[in-house]
Amino acid sequence: MFAVPLRAKYAELSGRLLHNQFQRALYLESTESSNDLKSEIYAVVDYPFATVNTALNNCLWLWHDWPPRHERLPVNHRQG
């Protein structure tokens, strides 16, 4: 299910993964507009996909509630 798209993306990025400022198989792609920021990180890791997938999914709780509630700025929902 994931193998074909992953191999295609790897083929597309192979040059960037091999030759970059990180000096390892890592590529960062980032775009910014006036109201949006999007980043994607691609890396070759020496672990089975299932292991990496589980590890990344287990880390999602770190970002789910970020920043911590006590560090959030109050939001004023009133306009004008």
PDB file of N, CA and C in Angstrom:
ATOM      1  N   MET A   1       0.810  -1.192   0.000  1.00  0.00           N
ATOM      2  CA  MET A   1       0.000   0.000   0.000  1.00  0.00           C
ATOM      3  C   MET A   1       0.860   1.265   0.000  1.00  0.00           C
ATOM      4  N   PHE A   2       1.894   1.324   0.840  1.00  0.00           N
ATOM      5  CA  PHE A   2       2.753   2.501   0.909  1.00  0.00           C
ATOM      6  C   PHE A   2       3.994   2.392   0.035  1.00  0.00           C
ATOM      7  N   ALA A   3       4.366   1.185  -0.356  1.00  0.00           N
ATOM      8  CA  ALA A   3       5.647   0.966  -1.020  1.00  0.00           C
ATOM      9  C   ALA A   3       5.774   1.716  -2.343  1.00  0.00           C
ATOM     10  N   VAL A   4       4.777   1.669  -3.189  1.00  0.00           N
ATOM     11  CA  VAL A   4       4.876   2.296  -4.511  1.00  0.00           C
ATOM     12  C   VAL A   4       5.015   3.819  -4.393  1.00  0.00           C
ATOM     13  N   PRO A   5       4.153   4.517  -3.648  1.00  0.00           N
ATOM     14  CA  PRO A   5       4.334   5.969  -3.532  1.00  0.00           C
ATOM     15  C   PRO A   5       5.650   6.360  -2.850  1.00  0.00           C
ATOM     16  N   LEU A   6       6.071   5.584  -1.847  1.00  0.00           N
ATOM     17  CA  LEU A   6       7.328   5.894  -1.167  1.00  0.00           C
ATOM     18  C   LEU A   6       8.517   5.732  -2.102  1.00  0.00           C
ATOM     19  N   ARG A   7       8.521   4.698  -2.892  1.00  0.00           N
ATOM     20  CA  ARG A   7       9.621   4.491  -3.851  1.00  0.00           C
ATOM     21  C   ARG A   7       9.626   5.581  -4.918  1.00  0.00           C
ATOM     22  N   ALA A   8       8.457   5.994  -5.354  1.00  0.00           N
ATOM     23  CA  ALA A   8       8.380   7.071  -6.346  1.00  0.00           C
ATOM     24  C   ALA A   8       8.915   8.380  -5.757  1.00  0.00           C
ATOM     25  N   LYS A   9       8.555   8.692  -4.525  1.00  0.00           N
ATOM     26  CA  LYS A   9       9.043   9.906  -3.879  1.00  0.00           C
ATOM     27  C   LYS A   9      10.541   9.822  -3.651  1.00  0.00           C
ATOM     28  N   TYR A  10      11.027   8.649  -3.281  1.00  0.00           N
ATOM     29  CA  TYR A  10      12.467   8.455  -3.095  1.00  0.00           C
ATOM     30  C   TYR A  10      13.215   8.693  -4.407  1.00  0.00           C
ATOM     31  N   ALA A  11      12.698   8.164  -5.489  1.00  0.00           N
ATOM     32  CA  ALA A  11      13.332   8.374  -6.795  1.00  0.00           C
ATOM     33  C   ALA A  11      13.342   9.857  -7.155  1.00  0.00           C
ATOM     34  N   GLU A  12      12.253  10.546  -6.871  1.00  0.00           N
ATOM     35  CA  GLU A  12      12.147  11.982  -7.162  1.00  0.00           C
ATOM     36  C   GLU A  12      13.150  12.807  -6.353  1.00  0.00           C
ATOM     37  N   LEU A  13      13.362  12.424  -5.093  1.00  0.00           N
ATOM     38  CA  LEU A  13      14.204  13.210  -4.193  1.00  0.00           C
ATOM     39  C   LEU A  13      15.609  12.655  -3.994  1.00  0.00           C
ATOM     40  N   SER A  14      15.972  11.591  -4.685  1.00  0.00           N
ATOM     41  CA  SER A  14      17.238  10.907  -4.392  1.00  0.00           C
ATOM     42  C   SER A  14      18.445  11.841  -4.458  1.00  0.00           C
ATOM     43  N   GLY A  15      18.503  12.720  -5.439  1.00  0.00           N
ATOM     44  CA  GLY A  15      19.624  13.656  -5.523  1.00  0.00           C
ATOM     45  C   GLY A  15      19.676  14.601  -4.344  1.00  0.00           C
ATOM     46  N   ARG A  16      18.521  15.111  -3.936  1.00  0.00           N
ATOM     47  CA  ARG A  16      18.458  16.037  -2.796  1.00  0.00           C
ATOM     48  C   ARG A  16      18.749  15.332  -1.481  1.00  0.00           C
ATOM     49  N   LEU A  17      18.358  14.068  -1.387  1.00  0.00           N
ATOM     50  CA  LEU A  17      18.644  13.310  -0.165  1.00  0.00           C
ATOM     51  C   LEU A  17      20.139  13.036  -0.010  1.00  0.00           C
ATOM     52  N   LEU A  18      20.830  12.856  -1.123  1.00  0.00           N
ATOM     53  CA  LEU A  18      22.258  12.543  -1.076  1.00  0.00           C
ATOM     54  C   LEU A  18      23.134  13.780  -0.922  1.00  0.00           C
ATOM     55  N   HIS A  19      22.706  14.900  -1.474  1.00  0.00           N
ATOM     56  CA  HIS A  19      23.532  16.101  -1.505  1.00  0.00           C
ATOM     57  C   HIS A  19      22.755  17.278  -0.918  1.00  0.00           C
ATOM     58  N   ASN A  20      22.989  17.559   0.364  1.00  0.00           N
ATOM     59  CA  ASN A  20      22.285  18.656   1.024  1.00  0.00           C
ATOM     60  C   ASN A  20      23.110  19.189   2.189  1.00  0.00           C
ATOM     61  N   GLN A  21      22.654  20.268   2.779  1.00  0.00           N
ATOM     62  CA  GLN A  21      23.377  20.921   3.863  1.00  0.00           C
ATOM     63  C   GLN A  21      23.416  20.098   5.149  1.00  0.00           C
ATOM     64  N   PHE A  22      22.573  19.095   5.281  1.00  0.00           N
ATOM     65  CA  PHE A  22      22.554  18.263   6.485  1.00  0.00           C
ATOM     66  C   PHE A  22      23.605  17.164   6.453  1.00  0.00           C
ATOM     67  N   GLN A  23      24.172  16.897   5.286  1.00  0.00           N
ATOM     68  CA  GLN A  23      25.181  15.854   5.082  1.00  0.00           C
ATOM     69  C   GLN A  23      24.690  14.478   5.538  1.00  0.00           C
ATOM     70  N   ARG A  24      23.423  14.237   5.309  1.00  0.00           N
ATOM     71  CA  ARG A  24      22.801  12.936   5.554  1.00  0.00           C
ATOM     72  C   ARG A  24      21.543  12.848   4.711  1.00  0.00           C
ATOM     73  N   ALA A  25      20.929  11.701   4.664  1.00  0.00           N
ATOM     74  CA  ALA A  25      19.758  11.474   3.812  1.00  0.00           C
ATOM     75  C   ALA A  25      18.522  12.138   4.414  1.00  0.00           C
ATOM     76  N   LEU A  26      18.502  13.461   4.316  1.00  0.00           N
ATOM     77  CA  LEU A  26      17.444  14.263   4.905  1.00  0.00           C
ATOM     78  C   LEU A  26      17.173  15.439   3.978  1.00  0.00           C
ATOM     79  N   TYR A  27      15.898  15.710   3.714  1.00  0.00           N
ATOM     80  CA  TYR A  27      15.531  16.829   2.854  1.00  0.00           C
ATOM     81  C   TYR A  27      14.344  17.552   3.468  1.00  0.00           C
ATOM     82  N   LEU A  28      14.452  18.863   3.576  1.00  0.00           N
ATOM     83  CA  LEU A  28      13.403  19.706   4.139  1.00  0.00           C
ATOM     84  C   LEU A  28      12.864  20.599   3.032  1.00  0.00           C
ATOM     85  N   GLU A  29      11.546  20.592   2.902  1.00  0.00           N
ATOM     86  CA  GLU A  29      10.875  21.431   1.908  1.00  0.00           C
ATOM     87  C   GLU A  29       9.894  22.320   2.650  1.00  0.00           C
ATOM     88  N   SER A  30       9.973  23.624   2.409  1.00  0.00           N
ATOM     89  CA  SER A  30       9.130  24.556   3.138  1.00  0.00           C
ATOM     90  C   SER A  30       8.601  25.625   2.195  1.00  0.00           C
ATOM     91  N   THR A  31       7.325  25.974   2.355  1.00  0.00           N
ATOM     92  CA  THR A  31       6.721  27.048   1.590  1.00  0.00           C
ATOM     93  C   THR A  31       5.967  27.961   2.551  1.00  0.00           C
ATOM     94  N   GLU A  32       5.957  29.235   2.215  1.00  0.00           N
ATOM     95  CA  GLU A  32       5.286  30.212   3.071  1.00  0.00           C
ATOM     96  C   GLU A  32       4.514  31.185   2.199  1.00  0.00           C
ATOM     97  N   SER A  33       3.304  31.500   2.635  1.00  0.00           N
ATOM     98  CA  SER A  33       2.510  32.529   1.992  1.00  0.00           C
ATOM     99  C   SER A  33       2.114  33.536   3.070  1.00  0.00           C
ATOM    100  N   SER A  34       1.308  34.502   2.725  1.00  0.00           N
ATOM    101  CA  SER A  34       0.936  35.541   3.689  1.00  0.00           C
ATOM    102  C   SER A  34       0.161  34.999   4.894  1.00  0.00           C
ATOM    103  N   ASN A  35      -0.506  33.858   4.736  1.00  0.00           N
ATOM    104  CA  ASN A  35      -1.286  33.323   5.855  1.00  0.00           C
ATOM    105  C   ASN A  35      -1.103  31.834   6.072  1.00  0.00           C
ATOM    106  N   ASP A  36      -0.020  31.258   5.543  1.00  0.00           N
ATOM    107  CA  ASP A  36       0.153  29.816   5.666  1.00  0.00           C
ATOM    108  C   ASP A  36       1.639  29.464   5.653  1.00  0.00           C
ATOM    109  N   LEU A  37       1.986  28.460   6.409  1.00  0.00           N
ATOM    110  CA  LEU A  37       3.336  27.918   6.430  1.00  0.00           C
ATOM    111  C   LEU A  37       3.216  26.402   6.346  1.00  0.00           C
ATOM    112  N   LYS A  38       3.937  25.806   5.412  1.00  0.00           N
ATOM    113  CA  LYS A  38       3.863  24.356   5.229  1.00  0.00           C
ATOM    114  C   LYS A  38       5.277  23.820   5.097  1.00  0.00           C
ATOM    115  N   SER A  39       5.573  22.762   5.830  1.00  0.00           N
ATOM    116  CA  SER A  39       6.877  22.114   5.755  1.00  0.00           C
ATOM    117  C   SER A  39       6.698  20.619   5.641  1.00  0.00           C
ATOM    118  N   GLU A  40       7.572  20.012   4.879  1.00  0.00           N
ATOM    119  CA  GLU A  40       7.609  18.561   4.774  1.00  0.00           C
ATOM    120  C   GLU A  40       9.052  18.126   4.936  1.00  0.00           C
ATOM    121  N   ILE A  41       9.253  17.049   5.689  1.00  0.00           N
ATOM    122  CA  ILE A  41      10.587  16.524   5.932  1.00  0.00           C
ATOM    123  C   ILE A  41      10.643  15.111   5.378  1.00  0.00           C
ATOM    124  N   TYR A  42      11.664  14.857   4.582  1.00  0.00           N
ATOM    125  CA  TYR A  42      11.876  13.534   4.008  1.00  0.00           C
ATOM    126  C   TYR A  42      13.229  13.032   4.496  1.00  0.00           C
ATOM    127  N   ALA A  43      13.283  11.764   4.882  1.00  0.00           N
ATOM    128  CA  ALA A  43      14.535  11.186   5.370  1.00  0.00           C
ATOM    129  C   ALA A  43      14.561   9.695   5.076  1.00  0.00           C
ATOM    130  N   VAL A  44      15.763   9.192   4.923  1.00  0.00           N
ATOM    131  CA  VAL A  44      15.949   7.744   4.800  1.00  0.00           C
ATOM    132  C   VAL A  44      16.415   7.265   6.162  1.00  0.00           C
ATOM    133  N   VAL A  45      15.669   6.356   6.754  1.00  0.00           N
ATOM    134  CA  VAL A  45      16.011   5.818   8.072  1.00  0.00           C
ATOM    135  C   VAL A  45      16.231   4.320   7.960  1.00  0.00           C
ATOM    136  N   ASP A  46      17.114   3.820   8.779  1.00  0.00           N
ATOM    137  CA  ASP A  46      17.493   2.406   8.714  1.00  0.00           C
ATOM    138  C   ASP A  46      16.664   1.560   9.680  1.00  0.00           C
ATOM    139  N   TYR A  47      15.341   1.704   9.557  1.00  0.00           N
ATOM    140  CA  TYR A  47      14.415   0.923  10.365  1.00  0.00           C
ATOM    141  C   TYR A  47      13.247   0.508   9.484  1.00  0.00           C
ATOM    142  N   PRO A  48      12.567  -0.570   9.821  1.00  0.00           N
ATOM    143  CA  PRO A  48      11.379  -0.955   9.050  1.00  0.00           C
ATOM    144  C   PRO A  48      10.304   0.129   9.133  1.00  0.00           C
ATOM    145  N   PHE A  49       9.516   0.246   8.077  1.00  0.00           N
ATOM    146  CA  PHE A  49       8.467   1.263   8.017  1.00  0.00           C
ATOM    147  C   PHE A  49       7.542   1.178   9.226  1.00  0.00           C
ATOM    148  N   ALA A  50       7.141  -0.018   9.611  1.00  0.00           N
ATOM    149  CA  ALA A  50       6.209  -0.178  10.737  1.00  0.00           C
ATOM    150  C   ALA A  50       6.792   0.399  12.025  1.00  0.00           C
ATOM    151  N   THR A  51       8.084   0.223  12.245  1.00  0.00           N
ATOM    152  CA  THR A  51       8.738   0.752  13.445  1.00  0.00           C
ATOM    153  C   THR A  51       8.730   2.276  13.440  1.00  0.00           C
ATOM    154  N   VAL A  52       9.080   2.873  12.309  1.00  0.00           N
ATOM    155  CA  VAL A  52       9.099   4.336  12.195  1.00  0.00           C
ATOM    156  C   VAL A  52       7.686   4.892  12.307  1.00  0.00           C
ATOM    157  N   ASN A  53       6.740   4.262  11.649  1.00  0.00           N
ATOM    158  CA  ASN A  53       5.354   4.706  11.697  1.00  0.00           C
ATOM    159  C   ASN A  53       4.833   4.720  13.132  1.00  0.00           C
ATOM    160  N   THR A  54       5.085   3.666  13.877  1.00  0.00           N
ATOM    161  CA  THR A  54       4.648   3.588  15.272  1.00  0.00           C
ATOM    162  C   THR A  54       5.311   4.671  16.106  1.00  0.00           C
ATOM    163  N   ALA A  55       6.608   4.856  15.936  1.00  0.00           N
ATOM    164  CA  ALA A  55       7.332   5.857  16.717  1.00  0.00           C
ATOM    165  C   ALA A  55       6.800   7.261  16.435  1.00  0.00           C
ATOM    166  N   LEU A  56       6.575   7.579  15.172  1.00  0.00           N
ATOM    167  CA  LEU A  56       6.063   8.906  14.838  1.00  0.00           C
ATOM    168  C   LEU A  56       4.636   9.105  15.339  1.00  0.00           C
ATOM    169  N   ASN A  57       3.811   8.104  15.214  1.00  0.00           N
ATOM    170  CA  ASN A  57       2.432   8.212  15.716  1.00  0.00           C
ATOM    171  C   ASN A  57       2.391   8.353  17.227  1.00  0.00           C
ATOM    172  N   ASN A  58       3.329   7.718  17.927  1.00  0.00           N
ATOM    173  CA  ASN A  58       3.382   7.846  19.382  1.00  0.00           C
ATOM    174  C   ASN A  58       3.847   9.227  19.812  1.00  0.00           C
ATOM    175  N   CYS A  59       4.530   9.946  18.934  1.00  0.00           N
ATOM    176  CA  CYS A  59       5.007  11.290  19.256  1.00  0.00           C
ATOM    177  C   CYS A  59       3.973  12.366  18.963  1.00  0.00           C
ATOM    178  N   LEU A  60       2.907  12.022  18.273  1.00  0.00           N
ATOM    179  CA  LEU A  60       1.921  13.032  17.905  1.00  0.00           C
ATOM    180  C   LEU A  60       1.309  13.723  19.110  1.00  0.00           C
ATOM    181  N   TRP A  61       1.242  13.052  20.246  1.00  0.00           N
ATOM    182  CA  TRP A  61       0.678  13.685  21.434  1.00  0.00           C
ATOM    183  C   TRP A  61       1.487  14.912  21.835  1.00  0.00           C
ATOM    184  N   LEU A  62       2.772  14.962  21.482  1.00  0.00           N
ATOM    185  CA  LEU A  62       3.591  16.129  21.813  1.00  0.00           C
ATOM    186  C   LEU A  62       3.079  17.374  21.104  1.00  0.00           C
ATOM    187  N   TRP A  63       2.599  17.205  19.873  1.00  0.00           N
ATOM    188  CA  TRP A  63       2.159  18.340  19.073  1.00  0.00           C
ATOM    189  C   TRP A  63       0.655  18.593  19.204  1.00  0.00           C
ATOM    190  N   HIS A  64      -0.071  17.627  19.701  1.00  0.00           N
ATOM    191  CA  HIS A  64      -1.524  17.765  19.805  1.00  0.00           C
ATOM    192  C   HIS A  64      -1.917  18.949  20.687  1.00  0.00           C
ATOM    193  N   ASP A  65      -1.197  19.153  21.751  1.00  0.00           N
ATOM    194  CA  ASP A  65      -1.541  20.186  22.717  1.00  0.00           C
ATOM    195  C   ASP A  65      -0.391  21.189  22.834  1.00  0.00           C
ATOM    196  N   TRP A  66       0.125  21.668  21.701  1.00  0.00           N
ATOM    197  CA  TRP A  66       1.262  22.578  21.714  1.00  0.00           C
ATOM    198  C   TRP A  66       0.826  23.964  21.292  1.00  0.00           C
ATOM    199  N   PRO A  67       1.237  25.027  21.902  1.00  0.00           N
ATOM    200  CA  PRO A  67       2.061  25.042  23.111  1.00  0.00           C
ATOM    201  C   PRO A  67       1.245  24.649  24.332  1.00  0.00           C
ATOM    202  N   PRO A  68       1.937  24.317  25.423  1.00  0.00           N
ATOM    203  CA  PRO A  68       1.203  23.946  26.642  1.00  0.00           C
ATOM    204  C   PRO A  68       0.226  25.046  27.034  1.00  0.00           C
ATOM    205  N   ARG A  69      -0.880  24.649  27.609  1.00  0.00           N
ATOM    206  CA  ARG A  69      -1.958  25.593  27.921  1.00  0.00           C
ATOM    207  C   ARG A  69      -1.466  26.792  28.739  1.00  0.00           C
ATOM    208  N   HIS A  70      -0.569  26.575  29.676  1.00  0.00           N
ATOM    209  CA  HIS A  70      -0.118  27.679  30.522  1.00  0.00           C
ATOM    210  C   HIS A  70       0.763  28.672  29.768  1.00  0.00           C
ATOM    211  N   GLU A  71       1.232  28.311  28.571  1.00  0.00           N
ATOM    212  CA  GLU A  71       2.066  29.222  27.784  1.00  0.00           C
ATOM    213  C   GLU A  71       1.294  29.898  26.656  1.00  0.00           C
ATOM    214  N   ARG A  72       0.037  29.565  26.472  1.00  0.00           N
ATOM    215  CA  ARG A  72      -0.741  30.140  25.382  1.00  0.00           C
ATOM    216  C   ARG A  72      -1.142  31.572  25.686  1.00  0.00           C
ATOM    217  N   LEU A  73      -1.127  32.381  24.652  1.00  0.00           N
ATOM    218  CA  LEU A  73      -1.592  33.758  24.803  1.00  0.00           C
ATOM    219  C   LEU A  73      -3.111  33.781  24.720  1.00  0.00           C
ATOM    220  N   PRO A  74      -3.757  34.664  25.476  1.00  0.00           N
ATOM    221  CA  PRO A  74      -5.216  34.741  25.374  1.00  0.00           C
ATOM    222  C   PRO A  74      -5.612  35.208  23.975  1.00  0.00           C
ATOM    223  N   VAL A  75      -6.721  34.716  23.493  1.00  0.00           N
ATOM    224  CA  VAL A  75      -7.226  35.063  22.164  1.00  0.00           C
ATOM    225  C   VAL A  75      -8.452  35.929  22.336  1.00  0.00           C
ATOM    226  N   ASN A  76      -8.459  37.081  21.687  1.00  0.00           N
ATOM    227  CA  ASN A  76      -9.611  37.972  21.716  1.00  0.00           C
ATOM    228  C   ASN A  76     -10.433  37.694  20.479  1.00  0.00           C
ATOM    229  N   HIS A  77     -11.604  37.098  20.649  1.00  0.00           N
ATOM    230  CA  HIS A  77     -12.432  36.708  19.521  1.00  0.00           C
ATOM    231  C   HIS A  77     -13.311  37.848  19.007  1.00  0.00           C
ATOM    232  N   ARG A  78     -13.326  38.975  19.722  1.00  0.00           N
ATOM    233  CA  ARG A  78     -14.135  40.117  19.284  1.00  0.00           C
ATOM    234  C   ARG A  78     -13.402  40.885  18.201  1.00  0.00           C
ATOM    235  N   GLN A  79     -14.109  41.248  17.182  1.00  0.00           N
ATOM    236  CA  GLN A  79     -13.540  42.040  16.085  1.00  0.00           C
ATOM    237  C   GLN A  79     -13.887  43.497  16.280  1.00  0.00           C
ATOM    238  N   GLY A  80     -12.970  44.403  15.874  1.00  0.00           N
ATOM    239  CA  GLY A  80     -13.242  45.830  15.881  1.00  0.00           C
ATOM    240  C   GLY A  80     -13.080  46.396  17.216  1.00  0.00           C
TER     241      GLY A  80
END
